[in-house]
Amino acid sequence: MIKNLRQLNGYTAARFLREFKTKNWARGGLKTLLEKTDRTGSIDSVTGSGRPRTAGNVAAISQWRRRSCPGTRGILRA
């Protein structure tokens, strides 16, 4: 809906805020989203963006502990 209103009717961030007062949208977030739709023609995330899938992997965490705390044998204390 946002993409269509932007492309067909030329809505700006300020106009979206006026038209949809019940939504708790921030102007800066809308501007970023509108710039992205203008640039790419889509609001979908780019493939590969965001946190890597292996970041929460048990093996990756134990590897991180071994590298960051060499004298503790992977045991972290609070």
Protein backbone atom coordinates (compact mmCIF):
# COMPACT_ATOMS: atom_id res chain seq x y z
CA MET A 1 0.00 0.00 0.00
CA ILE A 2 2.77 2.45 0.92
CA LYS A 3 4.64 1.65 -2.27
CA ASN A 4 1.54 2.16 -4.43
CA LEU A 5 0.55 5.43 -2.78
CA ARG A 6 4.09 6.72 -3.19
CA GLN A 7 4.45 5.72 -6.84
CA LEU A 8 0.93 6.46 -8.08
CA ASN A 9 -0.06 9.49 -6.00
CA GLY A 10 3.33 10.94 -5.02
CA TYR A 11 2.75 10.76 -1.26
CA THR A 12 5.50 12.26 0.88
CA ALA A 13 6.42 11.29 4.43
CA ALA A 14 4.48 14.27 5.79
CA ARG A 15 1.40 13.32 3.79
CA PHE A 16 1.53 9.74 5.04
CA LEU A 17 1.63 11.06 8.61
CA ARG A 18 -1.38 13.31 7.94
CA GLU A 19 -3.42 10.60 6.21
CA PHE A 20 -2.66 7.82 8.70
CA LYS A 21 -2.78 9.58 12.06
CA THR A 22 -3.64 6.42 13.98
CA LYS A 23 -0.35 4.80 13.00
CA ASN A 24 2.62 5.54 15.24
CA TRP A 25 5.07 6.11 12.42
CA ALA A 26 8.18 8.25 12.73
CA ARG A 27 8.92 10.69 9.93
CA GLY A 28 12.55 9.60 9.70
CA GLY A 29 11.59 5.95 9.33
CA LEU A 30 9.07 6.79 6.63
CA LYS A 31 11.61 8.89 4.76
CA THR A 32 14.10 6.02 4.83
CA LEU A 33 11.46 3.57 3.59
CA LEU A 34 10.33 5.93 0.82
CA GLU A 35 13.91 6.53 -0.31
CA LYS A 36 14.42 2.78 -0.47
CA THR A 37 11.27 2.25 -2.56
CA ASP A 38 12.35 5.04 -4.89
CA ARG A 39 15.82 3.53 -5.26
CA THR A 40 14.93 -0.16 -5.56
CA GLY A 41 11.23 -0.24 -6.38
CA SER A 42 10.61 -2.66 -3.53
CA ILE A 43 10.32 -2.65 0.26
CA ASP A 44 11.80 -6.15 0.62
CA SER A 45 15.10 -6.69 2.42
CA VAL A 46 18.14 -7.43 0.32
CA THR A 47 19.17 -11.07 0.38
CA GLY A 48 22.08 -11.54 2.74
CA SER A 49 21.46 -8.42 4.77
CA GLY A 50 21.16 -8.62 8.53
CA ARG A 51 22.66 -10.91 11.10
CA PRO A 52 24.39 -14.02 9.76
CA ARG A 53 22.54 -17.27 10.44
CA THR A 54 25.64 -18.76 12.06
CA ALA A 55 25.92 -15.97 14.64
CA GLY A 56 23.83 -17.85 17.22
CA ASN A 57 25.26 -21.25 16.33
CA VAL A 58 26.55 -23.22 19.34
CA ALA A 59 29.81 -24.01 17.56
CA ALA A 60 30.34 -20.34 16.68
CA ILE A 61 29.71 -19.28 20.30
CA SER A 62 32.14 -21.84 21.71
CA GLN A 63 34.72 -20.77 19.11
CA TRP A 64 34.26 -17.14 20.17
CA ARG A 65 34.70 -18.08 23.83
CA ARG A 66 37.93 -19.94 23.11
CA ARG A 67 39.35 -16.97 21.18
CA SER A 68 38.22 -14.24 23.58
CA CYS A 69 39.00 -15.99 26.89
CA PRO A 70 42.02 -18.21 26.30
CA GLY A 71 42.84 -18.85 29.98
CA THR A 72 39.33 -19.80 31.09
CA ARG A 73 38.81 -22.86 28.85
CA GLY A 74 35.52 -21.38 27.62
CA ILE A 75 34.05 -20.72 31.06
CA LEU A 76 32.75 -17.19 31.42
CA ARG A 77 31.93 -15.79 34.84
CA ALA A 78 29.65 -12.84 35.52
